[in-house]
C-alpha atoms as a PDB file:
ATOM      1  CA  MET A   1       0.548   5.532  -8.570  1.00  0.00           C
ATOM      2  CA  ASN A   2      -2.634   4.065  -7.142  1.00  0.00           C
ATOM      3  CA  VAL A   3      -5.060   6.480  -5.522  1.00  0.00           C
ATOM      4  CA  THR A   4      -8.471   6.311  -3.899  1.00  0.00           C
ATOM      5  CA  MET A   5     -10.830   8.953  -5.189  1.00  0.00           C
ATOM      6  CA  LEU A   6     -12.322  11.154  -2.479  1.00  0.00           C
ATOM      7  CA  ARG A   7     -14.469  13.191  -4.869  1.00  0.00           C
ATOM      8  CA  PRO A   8     -15.814  12.532  -8.355  1.00  0.00           C
ATOM      9  CA  THR A   9     -13.773  13.750 -11.304  1.00  0.00           C
ATOM     10  CA  CYS A  10     -13.341  13.122 -15.002  1.00  0.00           C
ATOM     11  CA  TRP A  11      -9.931  11.934 -16.178  1.00  0.00           C
ATOM     12  CA  GLY A  12      -8.980  11.004 -19.741  1.00  0.00           C
ATOM     13  CA  GLY A  13     -12.619  10.639 -20.741  1.00  0.00           C
ATOM     14  CA  THR A  14     -13.359   8.365 -17.783  1.00  0.00           C
ATOM     15  CA  ARG A  15     -15.745   9.403 -15.037  1.00  0.00           C
ATOM     16  CA  LEU A  16     -14.320   8.484 -11.650  1.00  0.00           C
ATOM     17  CA  LYS A  17     -16.491   8.434  -8.554  1.00  0.00           C
ATOM     18  CA  ALA A  18     -15.562   8.595  -4.877  1.00  0.00           C
ATOM     19  CA  GLY A  19     -14.153   5.253  -3.790  1.00  0.00           C
ATOM     20  CA  ASP A  20     -12.712   4.304  -7.197  1.00  0.00           C
ATOM     21  CA  THR A  21      -9.048   3.214  -7.103  1.00  0.00           C
ATOM     22  CA  PRO A  22      -7.458   3.998 -10.476  1.00  0.00           C
ATOM     23  CA  GLU A  23      -3.765   3.760 -11.297  1.00  0.00           C
ATOM     24  CA  VAL A  24      -2.698   7.103 -12.743  1.00  0.00           C
ATOM     25  CA  PRO A  25       0.592   8.791 -13.670  1.00  0.00           C
ATOM     26  CA  ASP A  26       2.475  10.124 -10.644  1.00  0.00           C
ATOM     27  CA  GLY A  27       2.045  13.768 -11.677  1.00  0.00           C
ATOM     28  CA  ASP A  28      -1.747  13.486 -11.834  1.00  0.00           C
ATOM     29  CA  ALA A  29      -1.867  11.508  -8.588  1.00  0.00           C
ATOM     30  CA  GLU A  30       0.287  14.031  -6.724  1.00  0.00           C
ATOM     31  CA  ARG A  31      -1.859  16.928  -7.963  1.00  0.00           C
ATOM     32  CA  TRP A  32      -5.078  15.137  -6.930  1.00  0.00           C
ATOM     33  CA  ILE A  33      -3.674  14.297  -3.492  1.00  0.00           C
ATOM     34  CA  LYS A  34      -2.496  17.890  -2.980  1.00  0.00           C
ATOM     35  CA  THR A  35      -5.905  19.289  -3.935  1.00  0.00           C
ATOM     36  CA  GLY A  36      -7.903  16.755  -1.915  1.00  0.00           C
ATOM     37  CA  ILE A  37      -9.499  14.974  -4.865  1.00  0.00           C
ATOM     38  CA  ALA A  38      -7.784  11.685  -3.992  1.00  0.00           C
ATOM     39  CA  ALA A  39      -5.691   9.943  -1.356  1.00  0.00           C
ATOM     40  CA  GLN A  40      -2.739   7.671  -1.979  1.00  0.00           C
ATOM     41  CA  THR A  41      -3.772   4.041  -1.848  1.00  0.00           C
ATOM     42  CA  THR A  42      -1.730   1.463  -0.043  1.00  0.00           C
ATOM     43  CA  LEU A  43      -2.208  -1.842  -1.773  1.00  0.00           C
ATOM     44  CA  PRO A  44      -2.299  -4.951   0.376  1.00  0.00           C
ATOM     45  CA  ALA A  45       0.982  -6.825   0.504  1.00  0.00           C
ATOM     46  CA  ASP A  46       1.141 -10.264  -1.076  1.00  0.00           C
ATOM     47  CA  PRO A  47       2.179 -12.651   1.720  1.00  0.00           C
ATOM     48  CA  ASP A  48       3.318 -15.271  -0.822  1.00  0.00           C
ATOM     49  CA  ARG A  49       6.254 -13.082  -1.837  1.00  0.00           C
ATOM     50  CA  PHE A  50       7.795 -13.764   1.575  1.00  0.00           C
ATOM     51  CA  LYS A  51       7.354 -17.554   1.551  1.00  0.00           C
ATOM     52  CA  ASP A  52      11.072 -18.307   0.990  1.00  0.00           C
ATOM     53  CA  TRP A  53      12.403 -15.668   3.400  1.00  0.00           C
ATOM     54  CA  ASP A  54      14.006 -16.646   6.685  1.00  0.00           C
ATOM     55  CA  VAL A  55      13.191 -14.973  10.000  1.00  0.00           C
ATOM     56  CA  ASP A  56      16.275 -12.708   9.954  1.00  0.00           C
ATOM     57  CA  ALA A  57      15.443 -11.418   6.476  1.00  0.00           C
ATOM     58  CA  LEU A  58      11.824 -10.799   7.494  1.00  0.00           C
ATOM     59  CA  LYS A  59      12.916  -8.914  10.628  1.00  0.00           C
ATOM     60  CA  ALA A  60      15.287  -6.768   8.546  1.00  0.00           C
ATOM     61  CA  TYR A  61      12.562  -6.040   5.985  1.00  0.00           C
ATOM     62  CA  ALA A  62      10.124  -5.096   8.744  1.00  0.00           C
ATOM     63  CA  ALA A  63      12.664  -2.769  10.361  1.00  0.00           C
ATOM     64  CA  GLU A  64      13.541  -1.095   7.038  1.00  0.00           C
ATOM     65  CA  ASN A  65       9.849  -0.500   6.301  1.00  0.00           C
ATOM     66  CA  GLY A  66       8.804   0.728   9.740  1.00  0.00           C
ATOM     67  CA  VAL A  67       6.712  -2.324  10.602  1.00  0.00           C
ATOM     68  CA  ASP A  68       6.297  -3.050  14.309  1.00  0.00           C
ATOM     69  CA  ILE A  69       6.395  -6.833  14.589  1.00  0.00           C
ATOM     70  CA  GLY A  70       5.577  -6.734  18.290  1.00  0.00           C
ATOM     71  CA  SER A  71       6.320 -10.104  19.895  1.00  0.00           C
ATOM     72  CA  ALA A  72       6.203 -12.061  16.614  1.00  0.00           C
ATOM     73  CA  THR A  73       9.142 -14.459  16.371  1.00  0.00           C
ATOM     74  CA  SER A  74       8.078 -16.987  13.736  1.00  0.00           C
ATOM     75  CA  ALA A  75       8.236 -16.391   9.989  1.00  0.00           C
ATOM     76  CA  ASN A  76       4.445 -16.704   9.729  1.00  0.00           C
ATOM     77  CA  GLY A  77       3.914 -14.263  12.589  1.00  0.00           C
ATOM     78  CA  ILE A  78       6.255 -11.684  11.100  1.00  0.00           C
ATOM     79  CA  ILE A  79       4.706 -12.099   7.629  1.00  0.00           C
ATOM     80  CA  LYS A  80       1.277 -11.503   9.177  1.00  0.00           C
ATOM     81  CA  LYS A  81       2.489  -8.260  10.778  1.00  0.00           C
ATOM     82  CA  ILE A  82       4.069  -7.087   7.499  1.00  0.00           C
ATOM     83  CA  THR A  83       0.940  -7.807   5.458  1.00  0.00           C
ATOM     84  CA  GLU A  84      -1.323  -6.214   8.075  1.00  0.00           C
ATOM     85  CA  ALA A  85       0.806  -3.080   7.732  1.00  0.00           C
ATOM     86  CA  GLY A  86       0.315  -3.168   3.962  1.00  0.00           C
ATOM     87  CA  LYS A  87       4.024  -3.373   3.248  1.00  0.00           C
END
């Protein structure tokens, strides 16, 4: 799981400072999030992964992932909304 460090810590011999975004095993990440050492990081979506999707598929994906597409009706507009939401 990717996290963003909120406080410095040492993990596996590596010193992590606030703002670092390491990928760590889920158990460590969940413990850090619970104790306030880190926050879960949402990685930006790659808009290229949607390049072959049609509008109906994009709308379905947005709905399944809780993305409000607003008044977007074109594939590019919907892709923009999905990537802005980090999905």
